[in-house]
Amino acid sequence: MYKILIADDHPLFREAIHNVISDGFEGSEVMETADLDSALALTQAHDDLDLILLDLNMPGMHGLNGLITLRNEAPTTPVVIVSAEQEKQIVLQAITYGAVGFITKSSPRSQMIEAIEQILNGNVYLPPDIIRAQKSSTSRRHNDTPSFPPEMLQALTRKQLLVLERMTKGESNKQIAYTLDIAETTVKAHVSAILRKLNVHNRVQAILSAGDIDFSDYLRR
């Protein structure tokens, strides 16, 4: 049972995402709004919201400024951007400005459910194709997020390196657990250790900084 706000000015898309939530999270309470002012009012009236699904281009948003405003008004409520936008820089800026995820409107239904589930479980979600695309944008990425020095990566155990490699492929903890044949709680412990050893604050920072690492070099040892 979750309480979720859909903020989008397209009625058909609101209906579609409402159906996704109803199918994937049965019994959840869903509210809808079509502009930023109404979203702010509903957020203030319902401080028990579990998640806000926010369109970047609805009235009042002015791009990412609307996200910043909403995060200032409701700093403890997770906000995920749901947008037709697929420009990598905007996706990454949204995360930098406080969104806990970015779901593209072209995502398949099953992927949307999985993304929302990850976010409700406390994880950050980025579209896997955006993460993979970062590898071909190293020059821009190096300007924003430096790579880890070799000694930091050498401090990771072999299993932690394997987990980090799966993270850079956009896999959730559940997927990593399945792939590596370990418990999901073990994956969570490895992720916490990875973030600590690499001196980053969250999963996204780790993924972006590790995007172009050749893991085979470190896994040979």
N, C-alpha and C. Protein backbone atom coordinates (compact mmCIF):
# COMPACT_ATOMS: atom_id res chain seq x y z
N MET A 1 0.84 -1.20 0.00
CA MET A 1 0.00 0.00 0.00
C MET A 1 0.88 1.25 0.00
N TYR A 2 0.79 2.00 -1.09
CA TYR A 2 1.57 3.23 -1.19
C TYR A 2 0.64 4.40 -1.52
N LYS A 3 1.13 5.60 -1.25
CA LYS A 3 0.40 6.81 -1.60
C LYS A 3 1.26 7.58 -2.59
N ILE A 4 0.77 7.69 -3.83
CA ILE A 4 1.60 8.20 -4.93
C ILE A 4 0.88 9.34 -5.64
N LEU A 5 1.62 10.40 -5.96
CA LEU A 5 1.09 11.53 -6.72
C LEU A 5 1.65 11.52 -8.14
N ILE A 6 0.77 11.55 -9.12
CA ILE A 6 1.16 11.68 -10.52
C ILE A 6 0.93 13.13 -10.93
N ALA A 7 2.00 13.82 -11.32
CA ALA A 7 1.90 15.22 -11.74
C ALA A 7 2.29 15.31 -13.21
N ASP A 8 1.27 15.38 -14.08
CA ASP A 8 1.51 15.39 -15.52
C ASP A 8 0.30 16.04 -16.19
N ASP A 9 0.55 16.87 -17.21
CA ASP A 9 -0.57 17.59 -17.83
C ASP A 9 -1.22 16.84 -18.99
N HIS A 10 -0.79 15.61 -19.25
CA HIS A 10 -1.41 14.82 -20.32
C HIS A 10 -2.34 13.77 -19.71
N PRO A 11 -3.66 13.95 -19.85
CA PRO A 11 -4.61 13.01 -19.22
C PRO A 11 -4.38 11.56 -19.62
N LEU A 12 -4.07 11.31 -20.88
CA LEU A 12 -3.86 9.94 -21.32
C LEU A 12 -2.66 9.30 -20.64
N PHE A 13 -1.59 10.08 -20.47
CA PHE A 13 -0.43 9.51 -19.80
C PHE A 13 -0.70 9.31 -18.32
N ARG A 14 -1.43 10.25 -17.69
CA ARG A 14 -1.79 10.06 -16.28
C ARG A 14 -2.57 8.77 -16.11
N GLU A 15 -3.50 8.53 -17.03
CA GLU A 15 -4.30 7.30 -16.97
C GLU A 15 -3.40 6.07 -17.14
N ALA A 16 -2.45 6.17 -18.07
CA ALA A 16 -1.56 5.03 -18.34
C ALA A 16 -0.69 4.72 -17.12
N ILE A 17 -0.10 5.75 -16.52
CA ILE A 17 0.78 5.50 -15.37
C ILE A 17 -0.04 5.08 -14.15
N HIS A 18 -1.27 5.59 -14.06
CA HIS A 18 -2.19 5.15 -12.99
C HIS A 18 -2.43 3.65 -13.10
N ASN A 19 -2.66 3.19 -14.33
CA ASN A 19 -2.88 1.76 -14.56
C ASN A 19 -1.64 0.93 -14.22
N VAL A 20 -0.47 1.48 -14.55
CA VAL A 20 0.79 0.80 -14.21
C VAL A 20 0.89 0.61 -12.69
N ILE A 21 0.58 1.67 -11.95
CA ILE A 21 0.66 1.60 -10.49
C ILE A 21 -0.39 0.63 -9.94
N SER A 22 -1.60 0.69 -10.47
CA SER A 22 -2.67 -0.21 -10.01
C SER A 22 -2.31 -1.67 -10.23
N ASP A 23 -1.67 -1.95 -11.38
CA ASP A 23 -1.29 -3.33 -11.70
C ASP A 23 -0.09 -3.80 -10.88
N GLY A 24 0.89 -2.91 -10.73
CA GLY A 24 2.13 -3.31 -10.07
C GLY A 24 2.13 -3.17 -8.56
N PHE A 25 1.27 -2.28 -8.05
CA PHE A 25 1.25 -2.00 -6.61
C PHE A 25 -0.20 -1.93 -6.13
N GLU A 26 -0.82 -3.09 -6.14
CA GLU A 26 -2.25 -3.20 -5.86
C GLU A 26 -2.62 -2.60 -4.52
N GLY A 27 -3.71 -1.85 -4.50
CA GLY A 27 -4.19 -1.25 -3.27
C GLY A 27 -3.61 0.12 -2.97
N SER A 28 -2.70 0.60 -3.83
CA SER A 28 -2.09 1.91 -3.60
C SER A 28 -3.09 3.03 -3.87
N GLU A 29 -2.92 4.12 -3.14
CA GLU A 29 -3.74 5.32 -3.35
C GLU A 29 -3.01 6.23 -4.32
N VAL A 30 -3.70 6.63 -5.40
CA VAL A 30 -3.07 7.45 -6.43
C VAL A 30 -3.81 8.77 -6.56
N MET A 31 -3.06 9.86 -6.51
CA MET A 31 -3.63 11.19 -6.75
C MET A 31 -3.03 11.74 -8.04
N GLU A 32 -3.78 12.65 -8.68
CA GLU A 32 -3.32 13.20 -9.95
C GLU A 32 -3.44 14.72 -9.95
N THR A 33 -2.51 15.36 -10.67
CA THR A 33 -2.58 16.80 -10.89
C THR A 33 -1.91 17.13 -12.22
N ALA A 34 -2.19 18.34 -12.72
CA ALA A 34 -1.73 18.67 -14.08
C ALA A 34 -0.82 19.88 -14.13
N ASP A 35 -0.42 20.45 -12.98
CA ASP A 35 0.50 21.58 -13.00
C ASP A 35 1.27 21.64 -11.69
N LEU A 36 2.33 22.42 -11.69
CA LEU A 36 3.22 22.45 -10.52
C LEU A 36 2.53 23.04 -9.30
N ASP A 37 1.75 24.11 -9.45
CA ASP A 37 1.11 24.73 -8.29
C ASP A 37 0.20 23.73 -7.57
N SER A 38 -0.56 22.97 -8.33
CA SER A 38 -1.44 21.97 -7.71
C SER A 38 -0.62 20.86 -7.06
N ALA A 39 0.50 20.50 -7.70
CA ALA A 39 1.36 19.47 -7.12
C ALA A 39 1.93 19.94 -5.78
N LEU A 40 2.34 21.19 -5.72
CA LEU A 40 2.86 21.75 -4.47
C LEU A 40 1.78 21.76 -3.38
N ALA A 41 0.56 22.14 -3.76
CA ALA A 41 -0.54 22.18 -2.80
C ALA A 41 -0.86 20.79 -2.26
N LEU A 42 -0.91 19.81 -3.14
CA LEU A 42 -1.20 18.44 -2.71
C LEU A 42 -0.07 17.89 -1.85
N THR A 43 1.16 18.23 -2.19
CA THR A 43 2.31 17.77 -1.40
C THR A 43 2.26 18.33 0.02
N GLN A 44 1.86 19.60 0.13
CA GLN A 44 1.76 20.22 1.45
C GLN A 44 0.59 19.65 2.25
N ALA A 45 -0.48 19.26 1.55
CA ALA A 45 -1.67 18.73 2.23
C ALA A 45 -1.50 17.26 2.62
N HIS A 46 -0.59 16.57 1.95
CA HIS A 46 -0.39 15.13 2.21
C HIS A 46 1.09 14.87 2.47
N ASP A 47 1.47 15.02 3.74
CA ASP A 47 2.90 14.84 4.06
C ASP A 47 3.29 13.37 4.18
N ASP A 48 2.33 12.48 3.91
CA ASP A 48 2.62 11.05 3.98
C ASP A 48 2.79 10.42 2.59
N LEU A 49 3.02 11.26 1.57
CA LEU A 49 3.24 10.73 0.22
C LEU A 49 4.49 9.85 0.19
N ASP A 50 4.38 8.72 -0.49
CA ASP A 50 5.53 7.83 -0.64
C ASP A 50 6.36 8.17 -1.87
N LEU A 51 5.71 8.80 -2.87
CA LEU A 51 6.42 9.06 -4.11
C LEU A 51 5.66 10.09 -4.95
N ILE A 52 6.42 10.94 -5.65
CA ILE A 52 5.85 11.87 -6.62
C ILE A 52 6.43 11.55 -7.98
N LEU A 53 5.56 11.31 -8.96
CA LEU A 53 5.98 11.08 -10.35
C LEU A 53 5.76 12.39 -11.09
N LEU A 54 6.83 13.03 -11.50
CA LEU A 54 6.78 14.42 -11.95
C LEU A 54 7.18 14.57 -13.41
N ASP A 55 6.31 15.20 -14.20
CA ASP A 55 6.61 15.51 -15.60
C ASP A 55 7.44 16.79 -15.65
N LEU A 56 8.49 16.80 -16.47
CA LEU A 56 9.37 17.97 -16.56
C LEU A 56 8.72 19.14 -17.28
N ASN A 57 7.77 18.87 -18.17
CA ASN A 57 7.30 19.92 -19.08
C ASN A 57 5.86 20.38 -18.85
N MET A 58 5.28 20.05 -17.70
CA MET A 58 3.92 20.51 -17.45
C MET A 58 3.93 21.98 -17.02
N PRO A 59 2.77 22.66 -17.06
CA PRO A 59 2.71 24.08 -16.70
C PRO A 59 3.30 24.38 -15.32
N GLY A 60 4.11 25.43 -15.27
CA GLY A 60 4.71 25.88 -14.02
C GLY A 60 6.07 25.30 -13.73
N MET A 61 6.48 24.29 -14.50
CA MET A 61 7.74 23.61 -14.19
C MET A 61 8.98 24.42 -14.57
N HIS A 62 8.95 25.04 -15.75
CA HIS A 62 10.14 25.75 -16.25
C HIS A 62 11.37 24.83 -16.18
N GLY A 63 11.18 23.65 -16.72
CA GLY A 63 12.26 22.66 -16.74
C GLY A 63 12.59 22.16 -15.34
N LEU A 64 13.87 22.11 -15.04
CA LEU A 64 14.31 21.57 -13.76
C LEU A 64 14.07 22.51 -12.58
N ASN A 65 13.71 23.77 -12.86
CA ASN A 65 13.40 24.70 -11.77
C ASN A 65 12.23 24.20 -10.93
N GLY A 66 11.26 23.58 -11.61
CA GLY A 66 10.10 23.05 -10.89
C GLY A 66 10.49 21.93 -9.95
N LEU A 67 11.43 21.09 -10.39
CA LEU A 67 11.93 20.02 -9.52
C LEU A 67 12.58 20.61 -8.28
N ILE A 68 13.40 21.64 -8.47
CA ILE A 68 14.09 22.27 -7.34
C ILE A 68 13.07 22.85 -6.35
N THR A 69 12.04 23.51 -6.89
CA THR A 69 10.99 24.09 -6.04
C THR A 69 10.29 23.01 -5.23
N LEU A 70 9.94 21.91 -5.89
CA LEU A 70 9.24 20.82 -5.22
C LEU A 70 10.12 20.17 -4.16
N ARG A 71 11.40 19.99 -4.47
CA ARG A 71 12.31 19.40 -3.49
C ARG A 71 12.49 20.31 -2.28
N ASN A 72 12.47 21.62 -2.50
CA ASN A 72 12.59 22.56 -1.38
C ASN A 72 11.36 22.52 -0.49
N GLU A 73 10.19 22.35 -1.11
CA GLU A 73 8.94 22.33 -0.36
C GLU A 73 8.72 20.99 0.36
N ALA A 74 9.20 19.92 -0.26
CA ALA A 74 8.97 18.59 0.31
C ALA A 74 10.27 17.78 0.25
N PRO A 75 11.26 18.16 1.05
CA PRO A 75 12.59 17.54 0.95
C PRO A 75 12.63 16.05 1.30
N THR A 76 11.63 15.56 2.04
CA THR A 76 11.67 14.16 2.46
C THR A 76 10.86 13.24 1.55
N THR A 77 10.12 13.82 0.59
CA THR A 77 9.31 13.00 -0.31
C THR A 77 10.09 12.67 -1.57
N PRO A 78 10.30 11.39 -1.88
CA PRO A 78 11.04 11.03 -3.10
C PRO A 78 10.31 11.52 -4.36
N VAL A 79 11.07 12.08 -5.28
CA VAL A 79 10.53 12.57 -6.55
C VAL A 79 11.26 11.85 -7.69
N VAL A 80 10.48 11.28 -8.60
CA VAL A 80 11.07 10.67 -9.79
C VAL A 80 10.54 11.41 -11.01
N ILE A 81 11.41 11.76 -11.92
CA ILE A 81 11.01 12.42 -13.16
C ILE A 81 10.50 11.37 -14.14
N VAL A 82 9.33 11.62 -14.70
CA VAL A 82 8.80 10.77 -15.77
C VAL A 82 8.61 11.68 -16.97
N SER A 83 9.43 11.48 -18.00
CA SER A 83 9.48 12.46 -19.09
C SER A 83 9.77 11.80 -20.42
N ALA A 84 9.37 12.48 -21.49
CA ALA A 84 9.73 12.04 -22.84
C ALA A 84 11.16 12.43 -23.17
N GLU A 85 11.75 13.30 -22.35
CA GLU A 85 13.12 13.76 -22.56
C GLU A 85 14.10 12.60 -22.41
N GLN A 86 15.07 12.52 -23.32
CA GLN A 86 16.06 11.45 -23.22
C GLN A 86 17.49 11.97 -23.37
N GLU A 87 17.65 13.29 -23.26
CA GLU A 87 18.99 13.87 -23.30
C GLU A 87 19.74 13.51 -22.03
N LYS A 88 20.89 12.89 -22.19
CA LYS A 88 21.64 12.37 -21.04
C LYS A 88 21.93 13.46 -20.00
N GLN A 89 22.30 14.64 -20.47
CA GLN A 89 22.68 15.69 -19.53
C GLN A 89 21.50 16.10 -18.65
N ILE A 90 20.31 16.14 -19.22
CA ILE A 90 19.13 16.50 -18.43
C ILE A 90 18.81 15.42 -17.41
N VAL A 91 18.95 14.16 -17.82
CA VAL A 91 18.72 13.05 -16.89
C VAL A 91 19.66 13.17 -15.69
N LEU A 92 20.94 13.41 -15.97
CA LEU A 92 21.93 13.49 -14.89
C LEU A 92 21.73 14.74 -14.03
N GLN A 93 21.33 15.84 -14.66
CA GLN A 93 21.05 17.07 -13.89
C GLN A 93 19.87 16.85 -12.95
N ALA A 94 18.86 16.12 -13.42
CA ALA A 94 17.69 15.85 -12.58
C ALA A 94 18.10 15.11 -11.31
N ILE A 95 19.00 14.14 -11.46
CA ILE A 95 19.48 13.41 -10.29
C ILE A 95 20.30 14.34 -9.39
N THR A 96 21.12 15.18 -10.00
CA THR A 96 21.93 16.13 -9.24
C THR A 96 21.05 17.07 -8.43
N TYR A 97 19.90 17.45 -8.99
CA TYR A 97 19.00 18.39 -8.32
C TYR A 97 18.02 17.71 -7.37
N GLY A 98 18.21 16.42 -7.13
CA GLY A 98 17.45 15.78 -6.05
C GLY A 98 16.45 14.73 -6.45
N ALA A 99 16.24 14.48 -7.74
CA ALA A 99 15.35 13.39 -8.13
C ALA A 99 15.99 12.06 -7.75
N VAL A 100 15.16 11.08 -7.39
CA VAL A 100 15.70 9.76 -7.03
C VAL A 100 15.61 8.79 -8.20
N GLY A 101 15.14 9.30 -9.33
CA GLY A 101 15.06 8.44 -10.50
C GLY A 101 14.59 9.21 -11.71
N PHE A 102 14.75 8.58 -12.87
CA PHE A 102 14.31 9.19 -14.13
C PHE A 102 13.77 8.06 -15.00
N ILE A 103 12.48 8.13 -15.30
CA ILE A 103 11.83 7.12 -16.13
C ILE A 103 11.40 7.77 -17.43
N THR A 104 11.82 7.20 -18.55
CA THR A 104 11.41 7.76 -19.84
C THR A 104 10.01 7.24 -20.19
N LYS A 105 9.21 8.11 -20.80
CA LYS A 105 7.83 7.75 -21.11
C LYS A 105 7.73 6.63 -22.16
N SER A 106 8.81 6.40 -22.87
CA SER A 106 8.81 5.33 -23.87
C SER A 106 9.16 3.97 -23.25
N SER A 107 9.40 3.95 -21.94
CA SER A 107 9.77 2.68 -21.28
C SER A 107 8.62 1.68 -21.36
N PRO A 108 8.93 0.40 -21.56
CA PRO A 108 7.90 -0.63 -21.51
C PRO A 108 7.24 -0.67 -20.13
N ARG A 109 6.00 -1.13 -20.09
CA ARG A 109 5.24 -1.19 -18.83
C ARG A 109 6.00 -1.93 -17.73
N SER A 110 6.59 -3.08 -18.08
CA SER A 110 7.30 -3.88 -17.08
C SER A 110 8.50 -3.14 -16.51
N GLN A 111 9.16 -2.36 -17.37
CA GLN A 111 10.33 -1.59 -16.92
C GLN A 111 9.90 -0.46 -15.99
N MET A 112 8.75 0.16 -16.28
CA MET A 112 8.24 1.21 -15.39
C MET A 112 7.93 0.64 -14.00
N ILE A 113 7.29 -0.52 -13.97
CA ILE A 113 6.96 -1.14 -12.69
C ILE A 113 8.24 -1.45 -11.91
N GLU A 114 9.21 -1.99 -12.61
CA GLU A 114 10.48 -2.34 -11.96
C GLU A 114 11.17 -1.08 -11.44
N ALA A 115 11.14 -0.01 -12.23
CA ALA A 115 11.78 1.25 -11.82
C ALA A 115 11.11 1.81 -10.57
N ILE A 116 9.78 1.84 -10.57
CA ILE A 116 9.05 2.37 -9.41
C ILE A 116 9.31 1.51 -8.18
N GLU A 117 9.37 0.18 -8.39
CA GLU A 117 9.64 -0.72 -7.27
C GLU A 117 11.02 -0.44 -6.68
N GLN A 118 12.02 -0.26 -7.53
CA GLN A 118 13.37 0.06 -7.05
C GLN A 118 13.37 1.32 -6.21
N ILE A 119 12.67 2.35 -6.71
CA ILE A 119 12.66 3.64 -6.02
C ILE A 119 11.93 3.54 -4.69
N LEU A 120 10.80 2.82 -4.67
CA LEU A 120 10.05 2.65 -3.42
C LEU A 120 10.85 1.84 -2.40
N ASN A 121 11.79 1.03 -2.89
CA ASN A 121 12.65 0.25 -2.00
C ASN A 121 13.88 1.04 -1.55
N GLY A 122 13.93 2.32 -1.94
CA GLY A 122 15.01 3.18 -1.46
C GLY A 122 16.21 3.30 -2.38
N ASN A 123 16.10 2.73 -3.59
CA ASN A 123 17.20 2.82 -4.55
C ASN A 123 16.99 3.98 -5.52
N VAL A 124 18.06 4.36 -6.19
CA VAL A 124 17.98 5.35 -7.26
C VAL A 124 17.85 4.61 -8.58
N TYR A 125 17.01 5.11 -9.49
CA TYR A 125 16.84 4.44 -10.79
C TYR A 125 17.23 5.37 -11.93
N LEU A 126 18.09 4.87 -12.80
CA LEU A 126 18.41 5.54 -14.06
C LEU A 126 18.13 4.57 -15.21
N PRO A 127 17.66 5.06 -16.35
CA PRO A 127 17.42 4.17 -17.48
C PRO A 127 18.70 3.46 -17.88
N PRO A 128 18.68 2.12 -18.01
CA PRO A 128 19.91 1.38 -18.34
C PRO A 128 20.60 1.89 -19.60
N ASP A 129 19.82 2.32 -20.61
CA ASP A 129 20.46 2.79 -21.84
C ASP A 129 21.19 4.11 -21.61
N ILE A 130 20.71 4.92 -20.68
CA ILE A 130 21.41 6.17 -20.35
C ILE A 130 22.74 5.84 -19.68
N ILE A 131 22.73 4.86 -18.77
CA ILE A 131 23.96 4.48 -18.08
C ILE A 131 24.97 3.93 -19.08
N ARG A 132 24.50 3.06 -19.98
CA ARG A 132 25.41 2.49 -20.97
C ARG A 132 25.96 3.57 -21.89
N ALA A 133 25.12 4.55 -22.23
CA ALA A 133 25.54 5.61 -23.14
C ALA A 133 26.65 6.45 -22.53
N GLN A 134 26.72 6.47 -21.19
CA GLN A 134 27.76 7.26 -20.55
C GLN A 134 29.16 6.80 -20.97
N LYS A 135 29.29 5.54 -21.31
CA LYS A 135 30.61 5.02 -21.68
C LYS A 135 31.13 5.65 -22.96
N SER A 136 30.22 6.11 -23.80
CA SER A 136 30.64 6.73 -25.06
C SER A 136 30.71 8.25 -24.92
N SER A 137 30.56 8.74 -23.69
CA SER A 137 30.61 10.20 -23.47
C SER A 137 31.64 10.53 -22.41
N THR A 138 32.80 9.88 -22.48
CA THR A 138 33.78 10.02 -21.42
C THR A 138 34.30 11.43 -21.28
N SER A 139 34.44 12.14 -22.39
CA SER A 139 35.02 13.48 -22.29
C SER A 139 34.11 14.40 -21.50
N ARG A 140 32.79 14.33 -21.78
CA ARG A 140 31.88 15.18 -21.02
C ARG A 140 31.77 14.69 -19.59
N ARG A 141 31.77 13.37 -19.39
CA ARG A 141 31.63 12.83 -18.06
C ARG A 141 32.83 13.20 -17.20
N HIS A 142 34.02 13.20 -17.80
CA HIS A 142 35.21 13.54 -17.03
C HIS A 142 35.15 14.98 -16.54
N ASN A 143 34.45 15.84 -17.26
CA ASN A 143 34.31 17.23 -16.81
C ASN A 143 33.45 17.32 -15.56
N ASP A 144 32.45 16.41 -15.46
CA ASP A 144 31.48 16.50 -14.38
C ASP A 144 31.80 15.56 -13.22
N THR A 145 32.23 14.35 -13.52
CA THR A 145 32.42 13.34 -12.50
C THR A 145 33.71 12.59 -12.78
N PRO A 146 34.77 12.84 -12.00
CA PRO A 146 36.05 12.20 -12.29
C PRO A 146 36.00 10.70 -12.06
N SER A 147 36.87 9.97 -12.75
CA SER A 147 36.99 8.53 -12.54
C SER A 147 37.70 8.27 -11.22
N PHE A 148 37.51 7.04 -10.71
CA PHE A 148 38.18 6.68 -9.47
C PHE A 148 39.65 6.38 -9.74
N PRO A 149 40.55 6.79 -8.87
CA PRO A 149 41.96 6.41 -9.03
C PRO A 149 42.12 4.91 -8.82
N PRO A 150 43.12 4.30 -9.44
CA PRO A 150 43.30 2.84 -9.37
C PRO A 150 43.37 2.31 -7.94
N GLU A 151 44.02 3.06 -7.03
CA GLU A 151 44.17 2.55 -5.66
C GLU A 151 42.83 2.38 -4.96
N MET A 152 41.84 3.22 -5.31
CA MET A 152 40.51 3.07 -4.73
C MET A 152 39.86 1.77 -5.21
N LEU A 153 39.97 1.51 -6.51
CA LEU A 153 39.39 0.29 -7.06
C LEU A 153 40.11 -0.95 -6.54
N GLN A 154 41.40 -0.84 -6.32
CA GLN A 154 42.16 -1.97 -5.80
C GLN A 154 41.79 -2.30 -4.36
N ALA A 155 41.16 -1.33 -3.68
CA ALA A 155 40.72 -1.56 -2.30
C ALA A 155 39.45 -2.42 -2.25
N LEU A 156 38.78 -2.56 -3.40
CA LEU A 156 37.55 -3.37 -3.45
C LEU A 156 37.91 -4.86 -3.56
N THR A 157 37.11 -5.69 -2.88
CA THR A 157 37.29 -7.13 -3.03
C THR A 157 36.80 -7.55 -4.42
N ARG A 158 37.14 -8.77 -4.80
CA ARG A 158 36.69 -9.28 -6.10
C ARG A 158 35.17 -9.26 -6.20
N LYS A 159 34.49 -9.69 -5.15
CA LYS A 159 33.01 -9.71 -5.18
C LYS A 159 32.45 -8.30 -5.28
N GLN A 160 33.07 -7.34 -4.60
CA GLN A 160 32.61 -5.95 -4.69
C GLN A 160 32.82 -5.40 -6.09
N LEU A 161 33.91 -5.77 -6.74
CA LEU A 161 34.14 -5.35 -8.13
C LEU A 161 33.07 -5.93 -9.05
N LEU A 162 32.71 -7.18 -8.82
CA LEU A 162 31.67 -7.80 -9.64
C LEU A 162 30.33 -7.10 -9.45
N VAL A 163 30.03 -6.73 -8.20
CA VAL A 163 28.78 -6.02 -7.92
C VAL A 163 28.79 -4.64 -8.58
N LEU A 164 29.91 -3.92 -8.46
CA LEU A 164 30.02 -2.60 -9.08
C LEU A 164 29.88 -2.70 -10.60
N GLU A 165 30.46 -3.73 -11.19
CA GLU A 165 30.35 -3.92 -12.64
C GLU A 165 28.89 -4.10 -13.04
N ARG A 166 28.14 -4.88 -12.26
CA ARG A 166 26.71 -5.08 -12.57
C ARG A 166 25.93 -3.77 -12.37
N MET A 167 26.32 -2.98 -11.37
CA MET A 167 25.67 -1.69 -11.12
C MET A 167 25.81 -0.78 -12.34
N THR A 168 27.01 -0.77 -12.96
CA THR A 168 27.23 0.10 -14.12
C THR A 168 26.42 -0.34 -15.33
N LYS A 169 25.89 -1.55 -15.29
CA LYS A 169 25.03 -2.04 -16.37
C LYS A 169 23.56 -1.71 -16.10
N GLY A 170 23.31 -1.00 -14.99
CA GLY A 170 21.95 -0.57 -14.68
C GLY A 170 21.12 -1.61 -13.96
N GLU A 171 21.77 -2.65 -13.40
CA GLU A 171 21.02 -3.71 -12.74
C GLU A 171 20.64 -3.31 -11.31
N SER A 172 19.46 -3.75 -10.90
CA SER A 172 19.00 -3.53 -9.53
C SER A 172 19.69 -4.54 -8.60
N ASN A 173 19.53 -4.34 -7.28
CA ASN A 173 20.10 -5.29 -6.33
C ASN A 173 19.56 -6.69 -6.55
N LYS A 174 18.27 -6.77 -6.86
CA LYS A 174 17.64 -8.08 -7.09
C LYS A 174 18.27 -8.77 -8.30
N GLN A 175 18.48 -8.01 -9.38
CA GLN A 175 19.09 -8.58 -10.58
C GLN A 175 20.53 -9.01 -10.33
N ILE A 176 21.26 -8.19 -9.58
CA ILE A 176 22.66 -8.51 -9.26
C ILE A 176 22.72 -9.79 -8.43
N ALA A 177 21.82 -9.90 -7.46
CA ALA A 177 21.78 -11.10 -6.61
C ALA A 177 21.56 -12.34 -7.46
N TYR A 178 20.64 -12.24 -8.41
CA TYR A 178 20.35 -13.39 -9.29
C TYR A 178 21.55 -13.73 -10.16
N THR A 179 22.15 -12.70 -10.76
CA THR A 179 23.28 -12.92 -11.68
C THR A 179 24.48 -13.53 -10.96
N LEU A 180 24.77 -13.04 -9.76
CA LEU A 180 25.96 -13.50 -9.02
C LEU A 180 25.65 -14.65 -8.07
N ASP A 181 24.38 -15.04 -8.02
CA ASP A 181 23.94 -16.16 -7.17
C ASP A 181 24.28 -15.93 -5.71
N ILE A 182 23.92 -14.75 -5.23
CA ILE A 182 24.09 -14.42 -3.81
C ILE A 182 22.80 -13.80 -3.29
N ALA A 183 22.67 -13.67 -1.99
CA ALA A 183 21.45 -13.11 -1.40
C ALA A 183 21.37 -11.60 -1.66
N GLU A 184 20.15 -11.09 -1.77
CA GLU A 184 19.98 -9.66 -2.01
C GLU A 184 20.53 -8.84 -0.83
N THR A 185 20.41 -9.36 0.38
CA THR A 185 20.97 -8.66 1.54
C THR A 185 22.49 -8.56 1.44
N THR A 186 23.11 -9.60 0.85
CA THR A 186 24.55 -9.58 0.65
C THR A 186 24.93 -8.51 -0.37
N VAL A 187 24.12 -8.38 -1.43
CA VAL A 187 24.36 -7.33 -2.43
C VAL A 187 24.29 -5.96 -1.76
N LYS A 188 23.27 -5.74 -0.93
CA LYS A 188 23.11 -4.45 -0.25
C LYS A 188 24.35 -4.14 0.61
N ALA A 189 24.86 -5.16 1.28
CA ALA A 189 26.06 -4.97 2.10
C ALA A 189 27.26 -4.61 1.23
N HIS A 190 27.39 -5.28 0.09
CA HIS A 190 28.49 -4.97 -0.83
C HIS A 190 28.36 -3.54 -1.36
N VAL A 191 27.13 -3.13 -1.72
CA VAL A 191 26.93 -1.77 -2.25
C VAL A 191 27.33 -0.74 -1.21
N SER A 192 26.93 -0.95 0.04
CA SER A 192 27.31 -0.01 1.11
C SER A 192 28.83 0.07 1.26
N ALA A 193 29.48 -1.08 1.19
CA ALA A 193 30.94 -1.10 1.30
C ALA A 193 31.60 -0.40 0.12
N ILE A 194 31.04 -0.60 -1.07
CA ILE A 194 31.57 0.04 -2.29
C ILE A 194 31.49 1.56 -2.16
N LEU A 195 30.33 2.06 -1.75
CA LEU A 195 30.15 3.51 -1.63
C LEU A 195 31.13 4.09 -0.60
N ARG A 196 31.31 3.36 0.49
CA ARG A 196 32.23 3.84 1.54
C ARG A 196 33.67 3.86 1.03
N LYS A 197 34.10 2.77 0.40
CA LYS A 197 35.49 2.68 -0.06
C LYS A 197 35.79 3.66 -1.20
N LEU A 198 34.78 3.94 -2.03
CA LEU A 198 35.00 4.86 -3.15
C LEU A 198 34.71 6.31 -2.77
N ASN A 199 34.27 6.51 -1.52
CA ASN A 199 34.03 7.86 -1.00
C ASN A 199 33.00 8.62 -1.83
N VAL A 200 31.88 7.94 -2.15
CA VAL A 200 30.78 8.59 -2.85
C VAL A 200 29.53 8.49 -1.99
N HIS A 201 28.57 9.38 -2.24
CA HIS A 201 27.40 9.47 -1.37
C HIS A 201 26.25 8.57 -1.80
N ASN A 202 26.21 8.22 -3.08
CA ASN A 202 25.08 7.41 -3.53
C ASN A 202 25.46 6.55 -4.73
N ARG A 203 24.53 5.70 -5.10
CA ARG A 203 24.73 4.73 -6.17
C ARG A 203 25.00 5.41 -7.51
N VAL A 204 24.30 6.51 -7.78
CA VAL A 204 24.46 7.19 -9.07
C VAL A 204 25.88 7.72 -9.24
N GLN A 205 26.43 8.34 -8.20
CA GLN A 205 27.80 8.84 -8.28
C GLN A 205 28.77 7.71 -8.60
N ALA A 206 28.56 6.57 -7.95
CA ALA A 206 29.44 5.42 -8.19
C ALA A 206 29.31 4.94 -9.64
N ILE A 207 28.09 4.85 -10.14
CA ILE A 207 27.85 4.36 -11.49
C ILE A 207 28.48 5.29 -12.52
N LEU A 208 28.28 6.60 -12.36
CA LEU A 208 28.77 7.55 -13.35
C LEU A 208 30.30 7.59 -13.36
N SER A 209 30.90 7.50 -12.18
CA SER A 209 32.36 7.55 -12.12
C SER A 209 33.00 6.25 -12.61
N ALA A 210 32.27 5.15 -12.51
CA ALA A 210 32.82 3.85 -12.90
C ALA A 210 32.42 3.45 -14.32
N GLY A 211 31.74 4.34 -15.02
CA GLY A 211 31.14 3.98 -16.31
C GLY A 211 32.08 3.48 -17.37
N ASP A 212 33.36 3.94 -17.37
CA ASP A 212 34.27 3.53 -18.45
C ASP A 212 35.43 2.68 -17.94
N ILE A 213 35.28 2.10 -16.74
CA ILE A 213 36.33 1.25 -16.17
C ILE A 213 36.35 -0.10 -16.90
N ASP A 214 37.54 -0.58 -17.20
CA ASP A 214 37.70 -1.93 -17.74
C ASP A 214 37.86 -2.88 -16.55
N PHE A 215 36.76 -3.48 -16.14
CA PHE A 215 36.78 -4.30 -14.93
C PHE A 215 37.67 -5.53 -15.08
N SER A 216 37.87 -5.98 -16.31
CA SER A 216 38.70 -7.17 -16.49
C SER A 216 40.12 -6.95 -15.99
N ASP A 217 40.60 -5.71 -16.06
CA ASP A 217 41.95 -5.40 -15.56
C ASP A 217 42.08 -5.66 -14.07
N TYR A 218 41.00 -5.35 -13.33
CA TYR A 218 41.03 -5.50 -11.88
C TYR A 218 40.62 -6.89 -11.43
N LEU A 219 39.82 -7.56 -12.25
CA LEU A 219 39.35 -8.90 -11.87
C LEU A 219 40.36 -9.99 -12.17
N ARG A 220 41.44 -9.66 -12.90
CA ARG A 220 42.47 -10.65 -13.24
C ARG A 220 43.34 -11.00 -12.03
N ARG A 221 43.41 -10.08 -11.10
CA ARG A 221 44.36 -10.26 -9.99
C ARG A 221 44.01 -11.47 -9.12
